[in-house]
C-alpha atoms as a PDB file:
ATOM      1  CA  MET A   1      -3.551 -72.967 133.070  1.00  0.00           C
ATOM      2  CA  ALA A   2      -1.070 -70.480 133.664  1.00  0.00           C
ATOM      3  CA  LEU A   3      -1.825 -66.891 134.231  1.00  0.00           C
ATOM      4  CA  ILE A   4      -0.404 -65.844 130.823  1.00  0.00           C
ATOM      5  CA  ASP A   5      -2.815 -68.041 129.187  1.00  0.00           C
ATOM      6  CA  ASN A   6      -5.301 -66.493 131.718  1.00  0.00           C
ATOM      7  CA  TYR A   7      -4.728 -63.136 129.955  1.00  0.00           C
ATOM      8  CA  THR A   8      -4.037 -64.204 126.814  1.00  0.00           C
ATOM      9  CA  SER A   9      -8.012 -66.088 126.849  1.00  0.00           C
ATOM     10  CA  ALA A  10      -9.300 -62.890 127.424  1.00  0.00           C
ATOM     11  CA  LEU A  11      -8.109 -60.553 124.767  1.00  0.00           C
ATOM     12  CA  ASN A  12      -9.366 -63.330 122.559  1.00  0.00           C
ATOM     13  CA  PRO A  13     -11.838 -62.395 120.189  1.00  0.00           C
ATOM     14  CA  ILE A  14     -13.645 -65.764 120.463  1.00  0.00           C
ATOM     15  CA  VAL A  15     -13.522 -65.937 123.954  1.00  0.00           C
ATOM     16  CA  GLN A  16     -14.830 -62.187 124.385  1.00  0.00           C
ATOM     17  CA  ALA A  17     -17.417 -63.101 122.168  1.00  0.00           C
ATOM     18  CA  GLN A  18     -18.560 -65.985 124.260  1.00  0.00           C
ATOM     19  CA  VAL A  19     -18.395 -64.348 127.761  1.00  0.00           C
ATOM     20  CA  THR A  20     -20.133 -61.340 126.093  1.00  0.00           C
ATOM     21  CA  THR A  21     -22.944 -63.409 124.658  1.00  0.00           C
ATOM     22  CA  ALA A  22     -23.128 -65.447 127.935  1.00  0.00           C
ATOM     23  CA  LEU A  23     -23.751 -62.237 129.677  1.00  0.00           C
ATOM     24  CA  TYR A  24     -26.417 -60.645 127.927  1.00  0.00           C
ATOM     25  CA  GLY A  25     -28.182 -64.153 128.245  1.00  0.00           C
ATOM     26  CA  TYR A  26     -27.408 -64.512 131.618  1.00  0.00           C
ATOM     27  CA  ALA A  27     -28.741 -60.783 132.137  1.00  0.00           C
ATOM     28  CA  ASN A  28     -32.330 -61.856 130.788  1.00  0.00           C
ATOM     29  CA  ASN A  29     -32.430 -65.150 133.375  1.00  0.00           C
ATOM     30  CA  VAL A  30     -31.753 -62.751 136.206  1.00  0.00           C
ATOM     31  CA  TYR A  31     -34.848 -60.179 134.793  1.00  0.00           C
ATOM     32  CA  SER A  32     -37.407 -63.643 134.513  1.00  0.00           C
ATOM     33  CA  GLU A  33     -36.169 -64.622 138.234  1.00  0.00           C
ATOM     34  CA  ALA A  34     -38.785 -64.245 140.808  1.00  0.00           C
ATOM     35  CA  SER A  35     -37.932 -61.494 142.782  1.00  0.00           C
ATOM     36  CA  THR A  36     -37.772 -63.887 146.501  1.00  0.00           C
ATOM     37  CA  VAL A  37     -34.236 -64.666 144.612  1.00  0.00           C
ATOM     38  CA  THR A  38     -31.041 -64.075 147.340  1.00  0.00           C
ATOM     39  CA  ASN A  39     -30.109 -60.332 145.974  1.00  0.00           C
ATOM     40  CA  HIS A  40     -32.529 -60.352 143.222  1.00  0.00           C
ATOM     41  CA  THR A  41     -32.593 -56.759 143.343  1.00  0.00           C
ATOM     42  CA  THR A  42     -28.695 -56.228 143.117  1.00  0.00           C
ATOM     43  CA  ARG A  43     -28.766 -58.870 140.450  1.00  0.00           C
ATOM     44  CA  ALA A  44     -31.009 -57.277 138.306  1.00  0.00           C
ATOM     45  CA  ALA A  45     -30.103 -53.907 138.538  1.00  0.00           C
ATOM     46  CA  PHE A  46     -27.112 -55.098 137.628  1.00  0.00           C
ATOM     47  CA  ALA A  47     -28.474 -56.862 134.728  1.00  0.00           C
ATOM     48  CA  ASN A  48     -29.805 -53.727 133.508  1.00  0.00           C
ATOM     49  CA  GLU A  49     -26.292 -52.234 133.221  1.00  0.00           C
ATOM     50  CA  VAL A  50     -25.306 -55.228 131.230  1.00  0.00           C
ATOM     51  CA  VAL A  51     -27.692 -54.951 128.744  1.00  0.00           C
ATOM     52  CA  ASN A  52     -27.457 -51.105 128.481  1.00  0.00           C
ATOM     53  CA  GLY A  53     -23.856 -51.090 127.997  1.00  0.00           C
ATOM     54  CA  ARG A  54     -23.195 -49.126 131.235  1.00  0.00           C
ATOM     55  CA  VAL A  55     -20.700 -51.771 132.168  1.00  0.00           C
ATOM     56  CA  ALA A  56     -17.075 -51.987 131.011  1.00  0.00           C
ATOM     57  CA  LEU A  57     -17.180 -56.604 129.963  1.00  0.00           C
ATOM     58  CA  GLN A  58     -13.182 -56.272 129.604  1.00  0.00           C
ATOM     59  CA  PRO A  59     -13.062 -56.637 133.422  1.00  0.00           C
ATOM     60  CA  LEU A  60     -15.656 -59.308 133.169  1.00  0.00           C
ATOM     61  CA  ILE A  61     -14.120 -61.233 130.600  1.00  0.00           C
ATOM     62  CA  ALA A  62     -10.650 -61.148 132.288  1.00  0.00           C
ATOM     63  CA  THR A  63     -11.988 -62.578 135.745  1.00  0.00           C
ATOM     64  CA  ALA A  64     -14.127 -65.100 133.475  1.00  0.00           C
ATOM     65  CA  CYS A  65     -11.004 -66.173 131.961  1.00  0.00           C
ATOM     66  CA  ALA A  66      -9.277 -66.735 135.130  1.00  0.00           C
ATOM     67  CA  PHE A  67     -11.931 -68.509 137.114  1.00  0.00           C
ATOM     68  CA  ALA A  68     -13.233 -70.780 134.593  1.00  0.00           C
ATOM     69  CA  SER A  69      -9.605 -71.177 132.309  1.00  0.00           C
ATOM     70  CA  LEU A  70     -11.928 -70.436 129.653  1.00  0.00           C
ATOM     71  CA  THR A  71     -10.378 -70.769 125.619  1.00  0.00           C
ATOM     72  CA  ASP A  72     -11.280 -70.361 122.384  1.00  0.00           C
ATOM     73  CA  THR A  73     -12.621 -73.738 122.125  1.00  0.00           C
ATOM     74  CA  SER A  74     -14.580 -73.855 125.563  1.00  0.00           C
ATOM     75  CA  THR A  75     -17.808 -74.931 125.331  1.00  0.00           C
ATOM     76  CA  ASP A  76     -20.790 -72.560 125.473  1.00  0.00           C
ATOM     77  CA  THR A  77     -22.349 -74.525 128.553  1.00  0.00           C
ATOM     78  CA  THR A  78     -18.796 -74.245 130.245  1.00  0.00           C
ATOM     79  CA  VAL A  79     -19.109 -70.587 129.619  1.00  0.00           C
ATOM     80  CA  SER A  80     -22.454 -69.562 130.967  1.00  0.00           C
ATOM     81  CA  ASN A  81     -21.527 -71.282 133.955  1.00  0.00           C
ATOM     82  CA  ALA A  82     -18.505 -69.328 134.677  1.00  0.00           C
ATOM     83  CA  VAL A  83     -20.708 -66.365 133.913  1.00  0.00           C
ATOM     84  CA  ALA A  84     -23.756 -67.873 136.259  1.00  0.00           C
ATOM     85  CA  ALA A  85     -21.174 -68.883 138.927  1.00  0.00           C
ATOM     86  CA  LEU A  86     -19.966 -65.231 138.813  1.00  0.00           C
ATOM     87  CA  TRP A  87     -22.617 -62.909 138.428  1.00  0.00           C
ATOM     88  CA  ASN A  88     -23.273 -62.730 142.504  1.00  0.00           C
ATOM     89  CA  LEU A  89     -19.620 -60.966 142.391  1.00  0.00           C
ATOM     90  CA  PHE A  90     -20.007 -59.277 139.367  1.00  0.00           C
ATOM     91  CA  ALA A  91     -23.335 -57.569 140.886  1.00  0.00           C
ATOM     92  CA  GLY A  92     -21.624 -56.890 144.447  1.00  0.00           C
ATOM     93  CA  ALA A  93     -24.401 -58.720 145.762  1.00  0.00           C
END
């Protein structure tokens, strides 16, 4: 997928909604994980920031699009897996 295609996907409202929903869903998963998970404290702090609206989502959406070549036909599983794979990067963990 060309860079311009990733950029266009990141601006697509359907992709934005999918990634945003996946971010909120994964934040919930992080809250539920064991405290012994590597970098849990940092991961959970980022989850809190996401859920409370203190994170600019557009850069995260753009990163997910570039990482997984997301489009408006990407499955929920593909989008969720991309968010899960990027969570530590997003959290700074």
